[in-house]
PDB file of all heavy atoms in Angstrom:
ATOM      1  N   PRO A   1       7.215  16.719 -19.331  1.00  0.00           N
ATOM      2  CA  PRO A   1       6.873  16.211 -20.651  1.00  0.00           C
ATOM      3  C   PRO A   1       6.508  14.715 -20.647  1.00  0.00           C
ATOM      4  O   PRO A   1       5.723  14.268 -21.484  1.00  0.00           O
ATOM      5  CB  PRO A   1       8.166  16.438 -21.455  1.00  0.00           C
ATOM      6  CG  PRO A   1       9.244  16.575 -20.424  1.00  0.00           C
ATOM      7  CD  PRO A   1       8.609  17.175 -19.230  1.00  0.00           C
ATOM      8  N   GLN A   2       7.053  13.945 -19.707  1.00  0.00           N
ATOM      9  CA  GLN A   2       6.769  12.507 -19.679  1.00  0.00           C
ATOM     10  C   GLN A   2       5.561  12.252 -18.786  1.00  0.00           C
ATOM     11  O   GLN A   2       5.613  12.437 -17.594  1.00  0.00           O
ATOM     12  CB  GLN A   2       7.996  11.722 -19.153  1.00  0.00           C
ATOM     13  CG  GLN A   2       7.799  10.214 -19.085  1.00  0.00           C
ATOM     14  CD  GLN A   2       7.555   9.595 -20.460  1.00  0.00           C
ATOM     15  OE1 GLN A   2       8.156  10.020 -21.456  1.00  0.00           O
ATOM     16  NE2 GLN A   2       6.644   8.631 -20.539  1.00  0.00           N
ATOM     17  N   GLN A   3       4.487  11.854 -19.412  1.00  0.00           N
ATOM     18  CA  GLN A   3       3.267  11.509 -18.682  1.00  0.00           C
ATOM     19  C   GLN A   3       2.809  10.100 -19.103  1.00  0.00           C
ATOM     20  O   GLN A   3       3.125   9.663 -20.205  1.00  0.00           O
ATOM     21  CB  GLN A   3       2.166  12.552 -18.974  1.00  0.00           C
ATOM     22  CG  GLN A   3       2.467  13.934 -18.469  1.00  0.00           C
ATOM     23  CD  GLN A   3       2.592  14.035 -16.960  1.00  0.00           C
ATOM     24  OE1 GLN A   3       2.079  13.200 -16.203  1.00  0.00           O
ATOM     25  NE2 GLN A   3       3.302  15.083 -16.498  1.00  0.00           N
ATOM     26  N   PRO A   4       2.102   9.358 -18.273  1.00  0.00           N
ATOM     27  CA  PRO A   4       1.580   9.779 -16.966  1.00  0.00           C
ATOM     28  C   PRO A   4       2.673   9.812 -15.898  1.00  0.00           C
ATOM     29  O   PRO A   4       3.770   9.279 -16.055  1.00  0.00           O
ATOM     30  CB  PRO A   4       0.551   8.704 -16.662  1.00  0.00           C
ATOM     31  CG  PRO A   4       1.082   7.482 -17.338  1.00  0.00           C
ATOM     32  CD  PRO A   4       1.684   8.001 -18.610  1.00  0.00           C
ATOM     33  N   THR A   5       2.346  10.471 -14.774  1.00  0.00           N
ATOM     34  CA  THR A   5       3.223  10.468 -13.616  1.00  0.00           C
ATOM     35  C   THR A   5       2.808   9.315 -12.715  1.00  0.00           C
ATOM     36  O   THR A   5       1.650   9.210 -12.326  1.00  0.00           O
ATOM     37  CB  THR A   5       3.059  11.809 -12.844  1.00  0.00           C
ATOM     38  OG1 THR A   5       3.469  12.889 -13.698  1.00  0.00           O
ATOM     39  CG2 THR A   5       3.929  11.811 -11.587  1.00  0.00           C
ATOM     40  N   LYS A   6       3.784   8.468 -12.402  1.00  0.00           N
ATOM     41  CA  LYS A   6       3.506   7.279 -11.581  1.00  0.00           C
ATOM     42  C   LYS A   6       4.195   7.438 -10.237  1.00  0.00           C
ATOM     43  O   LYS A   6       5.422   7.578 -10.172  1.00  0.00           O
ATOM     44  CB  LYS A   6       4.032   6.003 -12.284  1.00  0.00           C
ATOM     45  CG  LYS A   6       3.443   5.767 -13.664  1.00  0.00           C
ATOM     46  CD  LYS A   6       4.028   4.512 -14.280  1.00  0.00           C
ATOM     47  CE  LYS A   6       3.489   4.251 -15.667  1.00  0.00           C
ATOM     48  NZ  LYS A   6       4.058   2.999 -16.241  1.00  0.00           N
ATOM     49  N   LEU A   7       3.418   7.448  -9.173  1.00  0.00           N
ATOM     50  CA  LEU A   7       3.915   7.684  -7.823  1.00  0.00           C
ATOM     51  C   LEU A   7       3.496   6.578  -6.886  1.00  0.00           C
ATOM     52  O   LEU A   7       2.461   5.951  -7.056  1.00  0.00           O
ATOM     53  CB  LEU A   7       3.371   9.025  -7.283  1.00  0.00           C
ATOM     54  CG  LEU A   7       3.624  10.268  -8.117  1.00  0.00           C
ATOM     55  CD1 LEU A   7       2.853  11.446  -7.545  1.00  0.00           C
ATOM     56  CD2 LEU A   7       5.118  10.582  -8.191  1.00  0.00           C
ATOM     57  N   PHE A   8       4.332   6.330  -5.860  1.00  0.00           N
ATOM     58  CA  PHE A   8       3.914   5.440  -4.766  1.00  0.00           C
ATOM     59  C   PHE A   8       4.330   6.045  -3.433  1.00  0.00           C
ATOM     60  O   PHE A   8       5.231   6.896  -3.383  1.00  0.00           O
ATOM     61  CB  PHE A   8       4.482   4.030  -4.928  1.00  0.00           C
ATOM     62  CG  PHE A   8       5.907   3.857  -4.505  1.00  0.00           C
ATOM     63  CD1 PHE A   8       6.237   3.494  -3.188  1.00  0.00           C
ATOM     64  CD2 PHE A   8       6.953   4.032  -5.392  1.00  0.00           C
ATOM     65  CE1 PHE A   8       7.564   3.322  -2.797  1.00  0.00           C
ATOM     66  CE2 PHE A   8       8.289   3.862  -5.019  1.00  0.00           C
ATOM     67  CZ  PHE A   8       8.586   3.512  -3.708  1.00  0.00           C
ATOM     68  N   TYR A   9       3.673   5.652  -2.378  1.00  0.00           N
ATOM     69  CA  TYR A   9       3.994   6.135  -1.037  1.00  0.00           C
ATOM     70  C   TYR A   9       3.883   5.000  -0.036  1.00  0.00           C
ATOM     71  O   TYR A   9       3.161   4.011  -0.260  1.00  0.00           O
ATOM     72  CB  TYR A   9       3.057   7.296  -0.643  1.00  0.00           C
ATOM     73  CG  TYR A   9       1.591   6.944  -0.691  1.00  0.00           C
ATOM     74  CD1 TYR A   9       0.954   6.303   0.371  1.00  0.00           C
ATOM     75  CD2 TYR A   9       0.830   7.230  -1.848  1.00  0.00           C
ATOM     76  CE1 TYR A   9      -0.367   5.954   0.315  1.00  0.00           C
ATOM     77  CE2 TYR A   9      -0.527   6.896  -1.901  1.00  0.00           C
ATOM     78  CZ  TYR A   9      -1.106   6.252  -0.836  1.00  0.00           C
ATOM     79  OH  TYR A   9      -2.427   5.914  -0.886  1.00  0.00           O
ATOM     80  N   ILE A  10       4.582   5.112   1.051  1.00  0.00           N
ATOM     81  CA  ILE A  10       4.504   4.192   2.175  1.00  0.00           C
ATOM     82  C   ILE A  10       4.517   5.043   3.461  1.00  0.00           C
ATOM     83  O   ILE A  10       5.417   5.853   3.612  1.00  0.00           O
ATOM     84  CB  ILE A  10       5.658   3.197   2.217  1.00  0.00           C
ATOM     85  CG1 ILE A  10       5.704   2.362   0.913  1.00  0.00           C
ATOM     86  CG2 ILE A  10       5.569   2.279   3.441  1.00  0.00           C
ATOM     87  CD1 ILE A  10       6.933   1.466   0.823  1.00  0.00           C
ATOM     88  N   GLY A  11       3.545   4.869   4.323  1.00  0.00           N
ATOM     89  CA  GLY A  11       3.567   5.687   5.538  1.00  0.00           C
ATOM     90  C   GLY A  11       2.343   5.525   6.387  1.00  0.00           C
ATOM     91  O   GLY A  11       1.375   4.827   6.033  1.00  0.00           O
ATOM     92  N   PRO A  12       2.333   6.215   7.559  1.00  0.00           N
ATOM     93  CA  PRO A  12       1.215   6.115   8.498  1.00  0.00           C
ATOM     94  C   PRO A  12       0.031   6.990   8.090  1.00  0.00           C
ATOM     95  O   PRO A  12       0.217   8.069   7.528  1.00  0.00           O
ATOM     96  CB  PRO A  12       1.828   6.581   9.812  1.00  0.00           C
ATOM     97  CG  PRO A  12       2.907   7.530   9.396  1.00  0.00           C
ATOM     98  CD  PRO A  12       3.452   7.012   8.107  1.00  0.00           C
ATOM     99  N   MET A  13      -1.164   6.496   8.375  1.00  0.00           N
ATOM    100  CA  MET A  13      -2.405   7.248   8.213  1.00  0.00           C
ATOM    101  C   MET A  13      -3.139   7.204   9.548  1.00  0.00           C
ATOM    102  O   MET A  13      -2.826   6.382  10.421  1.00  0.00           O
ATOM    103  CB  MET A  13      -3.295   6.604   7.123  1.00  0.00           C
ATOM    104  CG  MET A  13      -2.574   6.323   5.813  1.00  0.00           C
ATOM    105  SD  MET A  13      -2.075   7.831   4.936  1.00  0.00           S
ATOM    106  CE  MET A  13      -0.849   7.141   3.787  1.00  0.00           C
ATOM    107  N   PHE A  14      -4.137   8.075   9.712  1.00  0.00           N
ATOM    108  CA  PHE A  14      -4.781   8.228  11.013  1.00  0.00           C
ATOM    109  C   PHE A  14      -6.294   8.373  10.835  1.00  0.00           C
ATOM    110  O   PHE A  14      -6.772   9.234  10.116  1.00  0.00           O
ATOM    111  CB  PHE A  14      -4.240   9.463  11.725  1.00  0.00           C
ATOM    112  CG  PHE A  14      -2.729   9.467  11.860  1.00  0.00           C
ATOM    113  CD1 PHE A  14      -1.940   9.955  10.839  1.00  0.00           C
ATOM    114  CD2 PHE A  14      -2.115   8.969  13.004  1.00  0.00           C
ATOM    115  CE1 PHE A  14      -0.545   9.942  10.937  1.00  0.00           C
ATOM    116  CE2 PHE A  14      -0.755   8.952  13.111  1.00  0.00           C
ATOM    117  CZ  PHE A  14       0.034   9.447  12.084  1.00  0.00           C
ATOM    118  N   ARG A  15      -7.040   7.497  11.535  1.00  0.00           N
ATOM    119  CA  ARG A  15      -8.491   7.601  11.562  1.00  0.00           C
ATOM    120  C   ARG A  15      -8.996   7.239  12.943  1.00  0.00           C
ATOM    121  O   ARG A  15      -8.530   6.270  13.549  1.00  0.00           O
ATOM    122  CB  ARG A  15      -9.140   6.654  10.523  1.00  0.00           C
ATOM    123  CG  ARG A  15      -8.816   6.994   9.064  1.00  0.00           C
ATOM    124  CD  ARG A  15      -9.556   6.082   8.113  1.00  0.00           C
ATOM    125  NE  ARG A  15      -9.016   6.165   6.762  1.00  0.00           N
ATOM    126  CZ  ARG A  15      -9.395   5.393   5.757  1.00  0.00           C
ATOM    127  NH1 ARG A  15     -10.344   4.497   5.957  1.00  0.00           N
ATOM    128  NH2 ARG A  15      -8.874   5.522   4.566  1.00  0.00           N
ATOM    129  N   TYR A  16      -9.951   8.000  13.409  1.00  0.00           N
ATOM    130  CA  TYR A  16     -10.547   7.722  14.725  1.00  0.00           C
ATOM    131  C   TYR A  16     -11.615   6.635  14.519  1.00  0.00           C
ATOM    132  O   TYR A  16     -12.738   6.914  14.094  1.00  0.00           O
ATOM    133  CB  TYR A  16     -11.171   8.974  15.334  1.00  0.00           C
ATOM    134  CG  TYR A  16     -11.649   8.730  16.755  1.00  0.00           C
ATOM    135  CD1 TYR A  16     -10.762   8.793  17.819  1.00  0.00           C
ATOM    136  CD2 TYR A  16     -12.965   8.405  17.020  1.00  0.00           C
ATOM    137  CE1 TYR A  16     -11.167   8.583  19.122  1.00  0.00           C
ATOM    138  CE2 TYR A  16     -13.397   8.179  18.308  1.00  0.00           C
ATOM    139  CZ  TYR A  16     -12.494   8.261  19.369  1.00  0.00           C
ATOM    140  OH  TYR A  16     -12.915   8.004  20.647  1.00  0.00           O
ATOM    141  N   GLU A  17     -11.238   5.377  14.782  1.00  0.00           N
ATOM    142  CA  GLU A  17     -12.125   4.256  14.612  1.00  0.00           C
ATOM    143  C   GLU A  17     -12.095   3.397  15.841  1.00  0.00           C
ATOM    144  O   GLU A  17     -11.216   3.507  16.685  1.00  0.00           O
ATOM    145  CB  GLU A  17     -11.716   3.403  13.389  1.00  0.00           C
ATOM    146  CG  GLU A  17     -11.793   4.136  12.073  1.00  0.00           C
ATOM    147  CD  GLU A  17     -11.517   3.210  10.889  1.00  0.00           C
ATOM    148  OE1 GLU A  17     -10.326   2.900  10.671  1.00  0.00           O
ATOM    149  OE2 GLU A  17     -12.456   2.793  10.249  1.00  0.00           O
ATOM    150  N   ARG A  18     -13.043   2.470  15.947  1.00  0.00           N
ATOM    151  CA  ARG A  18     -13.023   1.501  17.029  1.00  0.00           C
ATOM    152  C   ARG A  18     -11.940   0.466  16.696  1.00  0.00           C
ATOM    153  O   ARG A  18     -12.073  -0.270  15.726  1.00  0.00           O
ATOM    154  CB  ARG A  18     -14.402   0.830  17.147  1.00  0.00           C
ATOM    155  CG  ARG A  18     -14.474  -0.211  18.247  1.00  0.00           C
ATOM    156  CD  ARG A  18     -15.901  -0.719  18.393  1.00  0.00           C
ATOM    157  NE  ARG A  18     -15.950  -1.848  19.322  1.00  0.00           N
ATOM    158  CZ  ARG A  18     -15.810  -3.106  18.962  1.00  0.00           C
ATOM    159  NH1 ARG A  18     -15.628  -3.417  17.691  1.00  0.00           N
ATOM    160  NH2 ARG A  18     -15.872  -4.095  19.850  1.00  0.00           N
ATOM    161  N   PRO A  19     -10.879   0.407  17.502  1.00  0.00           N
ATOM    162  CA  PRO A  19      -9.767  -0.519  17.170  1.00  0.00           C
ATOM    163  C   PRO A  19     -10.255  -1.966  17.159  1.00  0.00           C
ATOM    164  O   PRO A  19     -11.005  -2.399  18.024  1.00  0.00           O
ATOM    165  CB  PRO A  19      -8.753  -0.247  18.279  1.00  0.00           C
ATOM    166  CG  PRO A  19      -9.073   1.095  18.802  1.00  0.00           C
ATOM    167  CD  PRO A  19     -10.568   1.213  18.686  1.00  0.00           C
ATOM    168  N   GLN A  20      -9.806  -2.715  16.162  1.00  0.00           N
ATOM    169  CA  GLN A  20     -10.057  -4.142  16.052  1.00  0.00           C
ATOM    170  C   GLN A  20      -8.973  -4.742  15.183  1.00  0.00           C
ATOM    171  O   GLN A  20      -8.103  -4.020  14.678  1.00  0.00           O
ATOM    172  CB  GLN A  20     -11.442  -4.397  15.484  1.00  0.00           C
ATOM    173  CG  GLN A  20     -11.727  -3.667  14.162  1.00  0.00           C
ATOM    174  CD  GLN A  20     -13.140  -3.780  13.727  1.00  0.00           C
ATOM    175  OE1 GLN A  20     -13.602  -4.875  13.395  1.00  0.00           O
ATOM    176  NE2 GLN A  20     -13.905  -2.686  13.755  1.00  0.00           N
ATOM    177  N   SER A  21      -9.015  -6.042  14.986  1.00  0.00           N
ATOM    178  CA  SER A  21      -7.971  -6.707  14.224  1.00  0.00           C
ATOM    179  C   SER A  21      -7.851  -6.094  12.819  1.00  0.00           C
ATOM    180  O   SER A  21      -8.827  -6.073  12.073  1.00  0.00           O
ATOM    181  CB  SER A  21      -8.256  -8.201  14.115  1.00  0.00           C
ATOM    182  OG  SER A  21      -7.283  -8.853  13.328  1.00  0.00           O
ATOM    183  N   GLY A  22      -6.670  -5.612  12.463  1.00  0.00           N
ATOM    184  CA  GLY A  22      -6.437  -5.052  11.158  1.00  0.00           C
ATOM    185  C   GLY A  22      -6.918  -3.645  10.984  1.00  0.00           C
ATOM    186  O   GLY A  22      -6.792  -3.061   9.882  1.00  0.00           O
ATOM    187  N   ARG A  23      -7.514  -3.047  12.025  1.00  0.00           N
ATOM    188  CA  ARG A  23      -8.050  -1.685  11.924  1.00  0.00           C
ATOM    189  C   ARG A  23      -7.605  -0.900  13.151  1.00  0.00           C
ATOM    190  O   ARG A  23      -8.014  -1.220  14.259  1.00  0.00           O
ATOM    191  CB  ARG A  23      -9.575  -1.729  11.841  1.00  0.00           C
ATOM    192  CG  ARG A  23     -10.227  -0.388  11.483  1.00  0.00           C
ATOM    193  CD  ARG A  23     -11.717  -0.501  11.500  1.00  0.00           C
ATOM    194  NE  ARG A  23     -12.222  -1.375  10.453  1.00  0.00           N
ATOM    195  CZ  ARG A  23     -12.516  -0.992   9.216  1.00  0.00           C
ATOM    196  NH1 ARG A  23     -12.352   0.269   8.880  1.00  0.00           N
ATOM    197  NH2 ARG A  23     -12.977  -1.871   8.339  1.00  0.00           N
ATOM    198  N   TYR A  24      -6.766   0.098  12.914  1.00  0.00           N
ATOM    199  CA  TYR A  24      -6.183   0.852  14.022  1.00  0.00           C
ATOM    200  C   TYR A  24      -6.342   2.337  13.796  1.00  0.00           C
ATOM    201  O   TYR A  24      -6.673   2.791  12.690  1.00  0.00           O
ATOM    202  CB  TYR A  24      -4.695   0.495  14.173  1.00  0.00           C
ATOM    203  CG  TYR A  24      -4.451  -0.981  14.310  1.00  0.00           C
ATOM    204  CD1 TYR A  24      -4.008  -1.759  13.214  1.00  0.00           C
ATOM    205  CD2 TYR A  24      -4.665  -1.637  15.528  1.00  0.00           C
ATOM    206  CE1 TYR A  24      -3.807  -3.114  13.350  1.00  0.00           C
ATOM    207  CE2 TYR A  24      -4.455  -2.998  15.664  1.00  0.00           C
ATOM    208  CZ  TYR A  24      -4.032  -3.741  14.572  1.00  0.00           C
ATOM    209  OH  TYR A  24      -3.839  -5.089  14.670  1.00  0.00           O
ATOM    210  N   ARG A  25      -6.082   3.115  14.831  1.00  0.00           N
ATOM    211  CA  ARG A  25      -6.188   4.579  14.712  1.00  0.00           C
ATOM    212  C   ARG A  25      -4.966   5.173  14.055  1.00  0.00           C
ATOM    213  O   ARG A  25      -5.049   6.200  13.388  1.00  0.00           O
ATOM    214  CB  ARG A  25      -6.448   5.166  16.106  1.00  0.00           C
ATOM    215  CG  ARG A  25      -7.811   4.784  16.621  1.00  0.00           C
ATOM    216  CD  ARG A  25      -8.101   5.305  18.008  1.00  0.00           C
ATOM    217  NE  ARG A  25      -9.487   4.945  18.390  1.00  0.00           N
ATOM    218  CZ  ARG A  25     -10.026   5.183  19.575  1.00  0.00           C
ATOM    219  NH1 ARG A  25      -9.316   5.819  20.488  1.00  0.00           N
ATOM    220  NH2 ARG A  25     -11.251   4.829  19.814  1.00  0.00           N
ATOM    221  N   GLN A  26      -3.831   4.551  14.242  1.00  0.00           N
ATOM    222  CA  GLN A  26      -2.659   4.821  13.387  1.00  0.00           C
ATOM    223  C   GLN A  26      -2.400   3.530  12.631  1.00  0.00           C
ATOM    224  O   GLN A  26      -2.085   2.499  13.254  1.00  0.00           O
ATOM    225  CB  GLN A  26      -1.424   5.246  14.157  1.00  0.00           C
ATOM    226  CG  GLN A  26      -0.226   5.419  13.209  1.00  0.00           C
ATOM    227  CD  GLN A  26       1.041   5.918  13.918  1.00  0.00           C
ATOM    228  OE1 GLN A  26       1.005   6.867  14.668  1.00  0.00           O
ATOM    229  NE2 GLN A  26       2.140   5.248  13.674  1.00  0.00           N
ATOM    230  N   PHE A  27      -2.513   3.575  11.338  1.00  0.00           N
ATOM    231  CA  PHE A  27      -2.247   2.402  10.478  1.00  0.00           C
ATOM    232  C   PHE A  27      -1.338   2.838   9.362  1.00  0.00           C
ATOM    233  O   PHE A  27      -1.008   4.027   9.224  1.00  0.00           O
ATOM    234  CB  PHE A  27      -3.577   1.820   9.961  1.00  0.00           C
ATOM    235  CG  PHE A  27      -4.394   2.777   9.151  1.00  0.00           C
ATOM    236  CD1 PHE A  27      -4.385   2.747   7.771  1.00  0.00           C
ATOM    237  CD2 PHE A  27      -5.188   3.732   9.777  1.00  0.00           C
ATOM    238  CE1 PHE A  27      -5.132   3.642   7.008  1.00  0.00           C
ATOM    239  CE2 PHE A  27      -5.952   4.647   9.030  1.00  0.00           C
ATOM    240  CZ  PHE A  27      -5.934   4.591   7.661  1.00  0.00           C
ATOM    241  N   HIS A  28      -0.900   1.898   8.584  1.00  0.00           N
ATOM    242  CA  HIS A  28       0.110   2.175   7.563  1.00  0.00           C
ATOM    243  C   HIS A  28      -0.346   1.653   6.208  1.00  0.00           C
ATOM    244  O   HIS A  28      -0.960   0.578   6.134  1.00  0.00           O
ATOM    245  CB  HIS A  28       1.452   1.547   7.969  1.00  0.00           C
ATOM    246  CG  HIS A  28       1.970   2.040   9.283  1.00  0.00           C
ATOM    247  ND1 HIS A  28       1.444   1.641  10.476  1.00  0.00           N
ATOM    248  CD2 HIS A  28       2.954   2.937   9.560  1.00  0.00           C
ATOM    249  CE1 HIS A  28       2.068   2.248  11.466  1.00  0.00           C
ATOM    250  NE2 HIS A  28       3.006   3.042  10.939  1.00  0.00           N
TER     251      HIS A  28
END
């Protein structure tokens, strides 16, 4: 009944990229 729903998350993400400063294949 109470909307909007407000959510947050903290965690690792994964992308196949060319690693460089601030850009990684596992990042958070």
